[in-house]
Amino acid sequence: AVDVNERQLLELLGPPGSVDAEIVVTVIGGQGYIFGRGNQQLSPRVIQRVGRDNIIVVALKDKVAALGTRSLLVDTGDEATDEMLAGYIRVVVGYREQIVCRVDS
């Protein structure tokens, strides 16, 4: 595995609009975090550069079911980024299978 930091990710992305990129992320831990716990290299600047529409959340059905009625969570350390991510997002839970989950900060 190769560790990549925020600076390297921003260099790979280049100036805003220069590269099409997506972030694929899974639910972290039992609390339902998708950003802010264990993936600090995906900083608010990286997330903003990639854009909300280019974020793909992938999770096992059981992991999402274990959350019950709780929302997925974000804690990027930046209020504007957390607000951008809030709302509803599609979560890939299987082959050609998605559900919609609420995201809160």
C-alpha atoms as a PDB file:
ATOM      1  CA  ALA A   1       0.000   0.000   0.000  1.00  0.00           C
ATOM      2  CA  VAL A   2       1.144   3.510  -0.759  1.00  0.00           C
ATOM      3  CA  ASP A   3       0.253   6.344   1.607  1.00  0.00           C
ATOM      4  CA  VAL A   4      -0.714   9.592  -0.078  1.00  0.00           C
ATOM      5  CA  ASN A   5      -1.161  12.857   1.780  1.00  0.00           C
ATOM      6  CA  GLU A   6      -3.376  15.875   1.120  1.00  0.00           C
ATOM      7  CA  ARG A   7      -0.661  17.821  -0.708  1.00  0.00           C
ATOM      8  CA  GLN A   8      -0.005  14.940  -3.101  1.00  0.00           C
ATOM      9  CA  LEU A   9      -3.725  14.512  -3.786  1.00  0.00           C
ATOM     10  CA  LEU A  10      -4.107  18.220  -4.567  1.00  0.00           C
ATOM     11  CA  GLU A  11      -1.108  18.047  -6.920  1.00  0.00           C
ATOM     12  CA  LEU A  12      -2.677  15.086  -8.728  1.00  0.00           C
ATOM     13  CA  LEU A  13      -5.983  16.947  -9.028  1.00  0.00           C
ATOM     14  CA  GLY A  14      -4.314  20.054 -10.446  1.00  0.00           C
ATOM     15  CA  PRO A  15      -6.171  23.356 -10.773  1.00  0.00           C
ATOM     16  CA  PRO A  16      -9.957  23.291 -10.222  1.00  0.00           C
ATOM     17  CA  GLY A  17     -11.706  21.810 -13.239  1.00  0.00           C
ATOM     18  CA  SER A  18      -8.566  20.375 -14.818  1.00  0.00           C
ATOM     19  CA  VAL A  19      -9.080  16.717 -13.862  1.00  0.00           C
ATOM     20  CA  ASP A  20     -12.190  14.607 -13.516  1.00  0.00           C
ATOM     21  CA  ALA A  21     -11.843  12.678 -10.276  1.00  0.00           C
ATOM     22  CA  GLU A  22     -13.997  10.681  -7.922  1.00  0.00           C
ATOM     23  CA  ILE A  23     -13.636   9.771  -4.280  1.00  0.00           C
ATOM     24  CA  VAL A  24     -14.762   6.275  -3.344  1.00  0.00           C
ATOM     25  CA  VAL A  25     -15.201   5.945   0.402  1.00  0.00           C
ATOM     26  CA  THR A  26     -16.768   3.482   2.792  1.00  0.00           C
ATOM     27  CA  VAL A  27     -18.453   3.905   6.141  1.00  0.00           C
ATOM     28  CA  ILE A  28     -15.776   4.129   8.830  1.00  0.00           C
ATOM     29  CA  GLY A  29     -16.314   2.574  12.229  1.00  0.00           C
ATOM     30  CA  GLY A  30     -19.538   1.709  13.980  1.00  0.00           C
ATOM     31  CA  GLN A  31     -20.729   5.314  14.200  1.00  0.00           C
ATOM     32  CA  GLY A  32     -21.271   5.752  10.466  1.00  0.00           C
ATOM     33  CA  TYR A  33     -18.614   8.317   9.537  1.00  0.00           C
ATOM     34  CA  ILE A  34     -17.740   8.690   5.863  1.00  0.00           C
ATOM     35  CA  PHE A  35     -15.281  11.586   6.307  1.00  0.00           C
ATOM     36  CA  GLY A  36     -13.265  12.797   9.244  1.00  0.00           C
ATOM     37  CA  ARG A  37     -12.291   9.576  10.994  1.00  0.00           C
ATOM     38  CA  GLY A  38      -9.342   7.722   9.546  1.00  0.00           C
ATOM     39  CA  ASN A  39      -9.134   9.481   6.196  1.00  0.00           C
ATOM     40  CA  GLN A  40      -7.669  12.908   6.998  1.00  0.00           C
ATOM     41  CA  GLN A  41      -5.799  13.027   3.661  1.00  0.00           C
ATOM     42  CA  LEU A  42      -9.261  13.531   2.156  1.00  0.00           C
ATOM     43  CA  SER A  43      -9.256  17.058   3.520  1.00  0.00           C
ATOM     44  CA  PRO A  44     -11.924  19.709   3.004  1.00  0.00           C
ATOM     45  CA  ARG A  45      -9.799  21.147   0.156  1.00  0.00           C
ATOM     46  CA  VAL A  46      -9.615  17.774  -1.595  1.00  0.00           C
ATOM     47  CA  ILE A  47     -13.336  17.106  -1.073  1.00  0.00           C
ATOM     48  CA  GLN A  48     -14.285  20.582  -2.340  1.00  0.00           C
ATOM     49  CA  ARG A  49     -12.025  20.186  -5.394  1.00  0.00           C
ATOM     50  CA  VAL A  50     -13.566  16.807  -6.322  1.00  0.00           C
ATOM     51  CA  GLY A  51     -17.124  17.935  -5.561  1.00  0.00           C
ATOM     52  CA  ARG A  52     -20.085  16.278  -3.886  1.00  0.00           C
ATOM     53  CA  ASP A  53     -21.424  14.774  -7.106  1.00  0.00           C
ATOM     54  CA  ASN A  54     -18.168  12.851  -7.553  1.00  0.00           C
ATOM     55  CA  ILE A  55     -18.254  11.089  -4.189  1.00  0.00           C
ATOM     56  CA  ILE A  56     -19.241   7.430  -4.203  1.00  0.00           C
ATOM     57  CA  VAL A  57     -20.076   5.810  -0.876  1.00  0.00           C
ATOM     58  CA  VAL A  58     -19.803   2.026  -0.730  1.00  0.00           C
ATOM     59  CA  ALA A  59     -20.887  -0.070   2.269  1.00  0.00           C
ATOM     60  CA  LEU A  60     -22.077  -3.520   3.156  1.00  0.00           C
ATOM     61  CA  LYS A  61     -25.838  -3.740   3.666  1.00  0.00           C
ATOM     62  CA  ASP A  62     -25.235  -5.079   7.164  1.00  0.00           C
ATOM     63  CA  LYS A  63     -23.078  -2.095   8.067  1.00  0.00           C
ATOM     64  CA  VAL A  64     -25.738   0.356   6.925  1.00  0.00           C
ATOM     65  CA  ALA A  65     -28.488  -1.674   8.610  1.00  0.00           C
ATOM     66  CA  ALA A  66     -26.522  -1.633  11.881  1.00  0.00           C
ATOM     67  CA  LEU A  67     -26.881   2.162  11.926  1.00  0.00           C
ATOM     68  CA  GLY A  68     -30.635   1.781  12.293  1.00  0.00           C
ATOM     69  CA  THR A  69     -32.254   5.175  11.861  1.00  0.00           C
ATOM     70  CA  ARG A  70     -29.000   7.083  12.450  1.00  0.00           C
ATOM     71  CA  SER A  71     -27.530   9.166   9.647  1.00  0.00           C
ATOM     72  CA  LEU A  72     -24.131   8.798   8.053  1.00  0.00           C
ATOM     73  CA  LEU A  73     -21.790  11.388   9.533  1.00  0.00           C
ATOM     74  CA  VAL A  74     -19.099  13.795   8.342  1.00  0.00           C
ATOM     75  CA  ASP A  75     -16.610  15.702  10.483  1.00  0.00           C
ATOM     76  CA  THR A  76     -14.083  17.241   8.106  1.00  0.00           C
ATOM     77  CA  GLY A  77     -13.131  20.062  10.450  1.00  0.00           C
ATOM     78  CA  ASP A  78     -14.591  22.595   8.013  1.00  0.00           C
ATOM     79  CA  GLU A  79     -18.175  23.733   8.521  1.00  0.00           C
ATOM     80  CA  ALA A  80     -18.711  24.723   4.868  1.00  0.00           C
ATOM     81  CA  THR A  81     -17.534  21.314   3.633  1.00  0.00           C
ATOM     82  CA  ASP A  82     -19.674  19.501   6.205  1.00  0.00           C
ATOM     83  CA  GLU A  83     -22.687  21.531   5.050  1.00  0.00           C
ATOM     84  CA  MET A  84     -21.897  20.750   1.395  1.00  0.00           C
ATOM     85  CA  LEU A  85     -21.886  17.020   2.207  1.00  0.00           C
ATOM     86  CA  ALA A  86     -25.086  17.117   4.299  1.00  0.00           C
ATOM     87  CA  GLY A  87     -28.337  15.862   2.846  1.00  0.00           C
ATOM     88  CA  TYR A  88     -28.984  12.608   1.046  1.00  0.00           C
ATOM     89  CA  ILE A  89     -26.445  10.478  -0.772  1.00  0.00           C
ATOM     90  CA  ARG A  90     -26.604   7.212  -2.681  1.00  0.00           C
ATOM     91  CA  VAL A  91     -24.758   4.317  -1.081  1.00  0.00           C
ATOM     92  CA  VAL A  92     -23.702   1.345  -3.188  1.00  0.00           C
ATOM     93  CA  VAL A  93     -24.556  -1.774  -1.154  1.00  0.00           C
ATOM     94  CA  GLY A  94     -24.239  -4.469  -3.799  1.00  0.00           C
ATOM     95  CA  TYR A  95     -24.008  -5.228  -7.484  1.00  0.00           C
ATOM     96  CA  ARG A  96     -26.418  -2.797  -9.168  1.00  0.00           C
ATOM     97  CA  GLU A  97     -27.924  -2.110  -5.760  1.00  0.00           C
ATOM     98  CA  GLN A  98     -28.042   1.266  -4.034  1.00  0.00           C
ATOM     99  CA  ILE A  99     -29.862   2.839  -1.150  1.00  0.00           C
ATOM    100  CA  VAL A 100     -30.223   6.468  -0.168  1.00  0.00           C
ATOM    101  CA  CYS A 101     -28.925   7.571   3.229  1.00  0.00           C
ATOM    102  CA  ARG A 102     -29.045  10.853   5.064  1.00  0.00           C
ATOM    103  CA  VAL A 103     -25.720  12.583   5.863  1.00  0.00           C
ATOM    104  CA  ASP A 104     -25.337  14.875   8.888  1.00  0.00           C
ATOM    105  CA  SER A 105     -22.411  16.624  10.497  1.00  0.00           C
END
